[in-house]
Amino acid sequence: MPSIEPTSQQLQQLVAAADGDTPIVMINLLRYRDRAAYPPGADAEPCSGREAYQRYGAGVTPIIGEAGARIVWFGSVKQIVIGPDGEQWDDAILVQYPSRKAFLAMVSRPDYREIAIHRTAALADSRLILTVTMTGPF
């Protein structure tokens, strides 16, 4: 089942976690729609899902910087080596935030919410995976 936005349970878990000041890296897996699906009345020119995500990227990049975060890596997914048959992703992005609190503050900003319309319109499916750095050997 496609996942574009967090469920209320996922959001509650994100807010309630005890490690609010620990640096995090968000792993974003993205699959774009062929055509962006903007809601009725949205003031956006028709475009592909990838183009809509580029609009989101252009708007969110300064906000990411203001949150003290940075894009660590962005790349095109070429093959799923281990995973369910039929699972496919177009791109992957790693974004490092100074903390879970910084991420939550960023996505709560009114200017972020305005820009997020492009993300929602762009994506057919996504995953957002919160990670923290581990110390010691594997």
C-alpha atoms as a PDB file:
ATOM      1  CA  MET A   1       0.000   0.000   0.000  1.00  0.00           C
ATOM      2  CA  PRO A   2       1.443   3.413  -0.937  1.00  0.00           C
ATOM      3  CA  SER A   3       2.653   5.626   1.914  1.00  0.00           C
ATOM      4  CA  ILE A   4       3.022   9.363   1.385  1.00  0.00           C
ATOM      5  CA  GLU A   5       2.203  10.817   4.812  1.00  0.00           C
ATOM      6  CA  PRO A   6       2.802   9.369   8.311  1.00  0.00           C
ATOM      7  CA  THR A   7      -0.079   7.679  10.091  1.00  0.00           C
ATOM      8  CA  SER A   8      -1.238   9.260  13.342  1.00  0.00           C
ATOM      9  CA  GLN A   9       0.433   6.390  15.243  1.00  0.00           C
ATOM     10  CA  GLN A  10       3.747   6.915  13.418  1.00  0.00           C
ATOM     11  CA  LEU A  11       3.579  10.637  14.130  1.00  0.00           C
ATOM     12  CA  GLN A  12       2.854  10.031  17.829  1.00  0.00           C
ATOM     13  CA  GLN A  13       5.849   7.689  18.055  1.00  0.00           C
ATOM     14  CA  LEU A  14       8.063  10.273  16.373  1.00  0.00           C
ATOM     15  CA  VAL A  15       7.004  12.994  18.805  1.00  0.00           C
ATOM     16  CA  ALA A  16       7.149  10.772  21.922  1.00  0.00           C
ATOM     17  CA  ALA A  17      10.657   9.353  21.413  1.00  0.00           C
ATOM     18  CA  ALA A  18      13.126  10.030  24.223  1.00  0.00           C
ATOM     19  CA  ASP A  19      16.096  10.847  21.955  1.00  0.00           C
ATOM     20  CA  GLY A  20      14.842  14.252  20.846  1.00  0.00           C
ATOM     21  CA  ASP A  21      18.301  15.881  20.961  1.00  0.00           C
ATOM     22  CA  THR A  22      20.266  13.116  19.189  1.00  0.00           C
ATOM     23  CA  PRO A  23      21.378  13.817  15.590  1.00  0.00           C
ATOM     24  CA  ILE A  24      19.375  11.814  13.022  1.00  0.00           C
ATOM     25  CA  VAL A  25      19.619  10.904   9.358  1.00  0.00           C
ATOM     26  CA  MET A  26      16.369  10.481   7.457  1.00  0.00           C
ATOM     27  CA  ILE A  27      16.472   7.966   4.612  1.00  0.00           C
ATOM     28  CA  ASN A  28      13.962   8.967   1.941  1.00  0.00           C
ATOM     29  CA  LEU A  29      12.916   6.435  -0.718  1.00  0.00           C
ATOM     30  CA  LEU A  30      10.865   8.006  -3.503  1.00  0.00           C
ATOM     31  CA  ARG A  31       8.676   6.701  -6.307  1.00  0.00           C
ATOM     32  CA  TYR A  32       7.194   9.404  -8.501  1.00  0.00           C
ATOM     33  CA  ARG A  33       3.784   9.541 -10.156  1.00  0.00           C
ATOM     34  CA  ASP A  34       3.790   9.758 -13.939  1.00  0.00           C
ATOM     35  CA  ARG A  35       1.768  12.973 -13.592  1.00  0.00           C
ATOM     36  CA  ALA A  36       1.694  15.068 -10.433  1.00  0.00           C
ATOM     37  CA  ALA A  37      -1.645  14.860  -8.599  1.00  0.00           C
ATOM     38  CA  TYR A  38      -2.325  18.325  -7.209  1.00  0.00           C
ATOM     39  CA  PRO A  39      -5.559  18.843  -5.263  1.00  0.00           C
ATOM     40  CA  PRO A  40      -8.391  20.734  -6.958  1.00  0.00           C
ATOM     41  CA  GLY A  41      -7.797  24.463  -6.858  1.00  0.00           C
ATOM     42  CA  ALA A  42      -4.040  24.179  -6.346  1.00  0.00           C
ATOM     43  CA  ASP A  43      -2.126  26.957  -8.079  1.00  0.00           C
ATOM     44  CA  ALA A  44       0.370  24.705  -9.869  1.00  0.00           C
ATOM     45  CA  GLU A  45       1.057  24.087 -13.524  1.00  0.00           C
ATOM     46  CA  PRO A  46       0.535  20.461 -14.624  1.00  0.00           C
ATOM     47  CA  CYS A  47       3.789  18.506 -14.633  1.00  0.00           C
ATOM     48  CA  SER A  48       5.336  15.099 -14.020  1.00  0.00           C
ATOM     49  CA  GLY A  49       5.783  13.727 -10.528  1.00  0.00           C
ATOM     50  CA  ARG A  50       9.538  14.190 -10.797  1.00  0.00           C
ATOM     51  CA  GLU A  51       9.056  17.845 -11.789  1.00  0.00           C
ATOM     52  CA  ALA A  52       6.698  18.382  -8.849  1.00  0.00           C
ATOM     53  CA  TYR A  53       9.323  16.892  -6.523  1.00  0.00           C
ATOM     54  CA  GLN A  54      11.915  19.269  -8.007  1.00  0.00           C
ATOM     55  CA  ARG A  55       9.565  22.140  -7.100  1.00  0.00           C
ATOM     56  CA  TYR A  56       9.422  20.752  -3.568  1.00  0.00           C
ATOM     57  CA  GLY A  57      13.221  20.401  -3.480  1.00  0.00           C
ATOM     58  CA  ALA A  58      13.764  23.989  -4.611  1.00  0.00           C
ATOM     59  CA  GLY A  59      11.447  25.286  -1.893  1.00  0.00           C
ATOM     60  CA  VAL A  60      12.516  23.003   0.935  1.00  0.00           C
ATOM     61  CA  THR A  61      16.301  23.265   0.522  1.00  0.00           C
ATOM     62  CA  PRO A  62      16.566  26.695   2.216  1.00  0.00           C
ATOM     63  CA  ILE A  63      14.217  25.536   4.985  1.00  0.00           C
ATOM     64  CA  ILE A  64      16.406  22.464   5.548  1.00  0.00           C
ATOM     65  CA  GLY A  65      19.409  24.771   5.945  1.00  0.00           C
ATOM     66  CA  GLU A  66      17.541  27.029   8.369  1.00  0.00           C
ATOM     67  CA  ALA A  67      16.741  23.928  10.457  1.00  0.00           C
ATOM     68  CA  GLY A  68      20.469  23.208  10.750  1.00  0.00           C
ATOM     69  CA  ALA A  69      20.117  20.174   8.503  1.00  0.00           C
ATOM     70  CA  ARG A  70      21.844  19.195   5.276  1.00  0.00           C
ATOM     71  CA  ILE A  71      21.376  16.855   2.362  1.00  0.00           C
ATOM     72  CA  VAL A  72      24.091  14.222   2.784  1.00  0.00           C
ATOM     73  CA  TRP A  73      23.446  12.271  -0.415  1.00  0.00           C
ATOM     74  CA  PHE A  74      20.960  12.135  -3.294  1.00  0.00           C
ATOM     75  CA  GLY A  75      20.953   9.448  -5.950  1.00  0.00           C
ATOM     76  CA  SER A  76      18.997   7.462  -8.484  1.00  0.00           C
ATOM     77  CA  VAL A  77      17.919   3.951  -7.463  1.00  0.00           C
ATOM     78  CA  LYS A  78      19.010   1.477 -10.132  1.00  0.00           C
ATOM     79  CA  GLN A  79      18.144  -1.907  -8.639  1.00  0.00           C
ATOM     80  CA  ILE A  80      16.582  -3.504  -5.586  1.00  0.00           C
ATOM     81  CA  VAL A  81      19.089  -6.215  -4.658  1.00  0.00           C
ATOM     82  CA  ILE A  82      17.201  -7.478  -1.586  1.00  0.00           C
ATOM     83  CA  GLY A  83      13.525  -6.677  -1.262  1.00  0.00           C
ATOM     84  CA  PRO A  84      10.032  -7.719  -2.242  1.00  0.00           C
ATOM     85  CA  ASP A  85       9.406  -8.576  -5.895  1.00  0.00           C
ATOM     86  CA  GLY A  86       7.946  -5.606  -7.705  1.00  0.00           C
ATOM     87  CA  GLU A  87       9.182  -3.032  -5.194  1.00  0.00           C
ATOM     88  CA  GLN A  88      10.697  -0.103  -7.034  1.00  0.00           C
ATOM     89  CA  TRP A  89      12.077   3.297  -6.137  1.00  0.00           C
ATOM     90  CA  ASP A  90      13.178   6.134  -8.385  1.00  0.00           C
ATOM     91  CA  ASP A  91      15.443   8.113  -6.042  1.00  0.00           C
ATOM     92  CA  ALA A  92      16.894   8.002  -2.528  1.00  0.00           C
ATOM     93  CA  ILE A  93      17.927  10.945  -0.365  1.00  0.00           C
ATOM     94  CA  LEU A  94      19.755  11.063   2.976  1.00  0.00           C
ATOM     95  CA  VAL A  95      19.123  14.197   5.049  1.00  0.00           C
ATOM     96  CA  GLN A  96      20.944  14.796   8.341  1.00  0.00           C
ATOM     97  CA  TYR A  97      19.178  16.821  11.037  1.00  0.00           C
ATOM     98  CA  PRO A  98      20.714  18.048  14.291  1.00  0.00           C
ATOM     99  CA  SER A  99      17.889  16.322  16.175  1.00  0.00           C
ATOM    100  CA  ARG A 100      14.439  14.807  15.972  1.00  0.00           C
ATOM    101  CA  LYS A 101      13.173  18.073  17.502  1.00  0.00           C
ATOM    102  CA  ALA A 102      14.741  20.062  14.644  1.00  0.00           C
ATOM    103  CA  PHE A 103      13.023  17.812  12.088  1.00  0.00           C
ATOM    104  CA  LEU A 104       9.648  18.164  13.819  1.00  0.00           C
ATOM    105  CA  ALA A 105      10.049  21.932  14.079  1.00  0.00           C
ATOM    106  CA  MET A 106      10.888  22.128  10.375  1.00  0.00           C
ATOM    107  CA  VAL A 107       7.875  20.131   9.178  1.00  0.00           C
ATOM    108  CA  SER A 108       5.617  22.193  11.468  1.00  0.00           C
ATOM    109  CA  ARG A 109       6.579  25.493   9.841  1.00  0.00           C
ATOM    110  CA  PRO A 110       3.818  27.164   7.786  1.00  0.00           C
ATOM    111  CA  ASP A 111       6.209  27.780   4.873  1.00  0.00           C
ATOM    112  CA  TYR A 112       7.171  24.083   4.873  1.00  0.00           C
ATOM    113  CA  ARG A 113       3.510  23.057   4.811  1.00  0.00           C
ATOM    114  CA  GLU A 114       2.933  25.308   1.785  1.00  0.00           C
ATOM    115  CA  ILE A 115       5.812  23.704  -0.102  1.00  0.00           C
ATOM    116  CA  ALA A 116       4.873  20.146   0.937  1.00  0.00           C
ATOM    117  CA  ILE A 117       1.928  20.231  -1.486  1.00  0.00           C
ATOM    118  CA  HIS A 118       4.477  19.559  -4.237  1.00  0.00           C
ATOM    119  CA  ARG A 119       5.873  16.513  -2.399  1.00  0.00           C
ATOM    120  CA  THR A 120       2.418  15.021  -1.911  1.00  0.00           C
ATOM    121  CA  ALA A 121       1.479  15.671  -5.542  1.00  0.00           C
ATOM    122  CA  ALA A 122       4.754  14.183  -6.781  1.00  0.00           C
ATOM    123  CA  LEU A 123       4.870  10.852  -5.000  1.00  0.00           C
ATOM    124  CA  ALA A 124       3.160   7.572  -5.816  1.00  0.00           C
ATOM    125  CA  ASP A 125       4.890   5.962  -2.825  1.00  0.00           C
ATOM    126  CA  SER A 126       7.641   6.758  -0.346  1.00  0.00           C
ATOM    127  CA  ARG A 127       9.440   5.668   2.775  1.00  0.00           C
ATOM    128  CA  LEU A 128      10.913   7.961   5.406  1.00  0.00           C
ATOM    129  CA  ILE A 129      13.191   6.043   7.747  1.00  0.00           C
ATOM    130  CA  LEU A 130      14.677   7.718  10.835  1.00  0.00           C
ATOM    131  CA  THR A 131      18.162   6.499  11.740  1.00  0.00           C
ATOM    132  CA  VAL A 132      20.754   7.352  14.380  1.00  0.00           C
ATOM    133  CA  THR A 133      24.482   6.740  14.290  1.00  0.00           C
ATOM    134  CA  MET A 134      25.643   3.678  16.144  1.00  0.00           C
ATOM    135  CA  THR A 135      29.012   3.376  17.830  1.00  0.00           C
ATOM    136  CA  GLY A 136      31.193   0.312  17.863  1.00  0.00           C
ATOM    137  CA  PRO A 137      31.565  -2.522  15.386  1.00  0.00           C
ATOM    138  CA  PHE A 138      28.637  -4.113  13.598  1.00  0.00           C
END
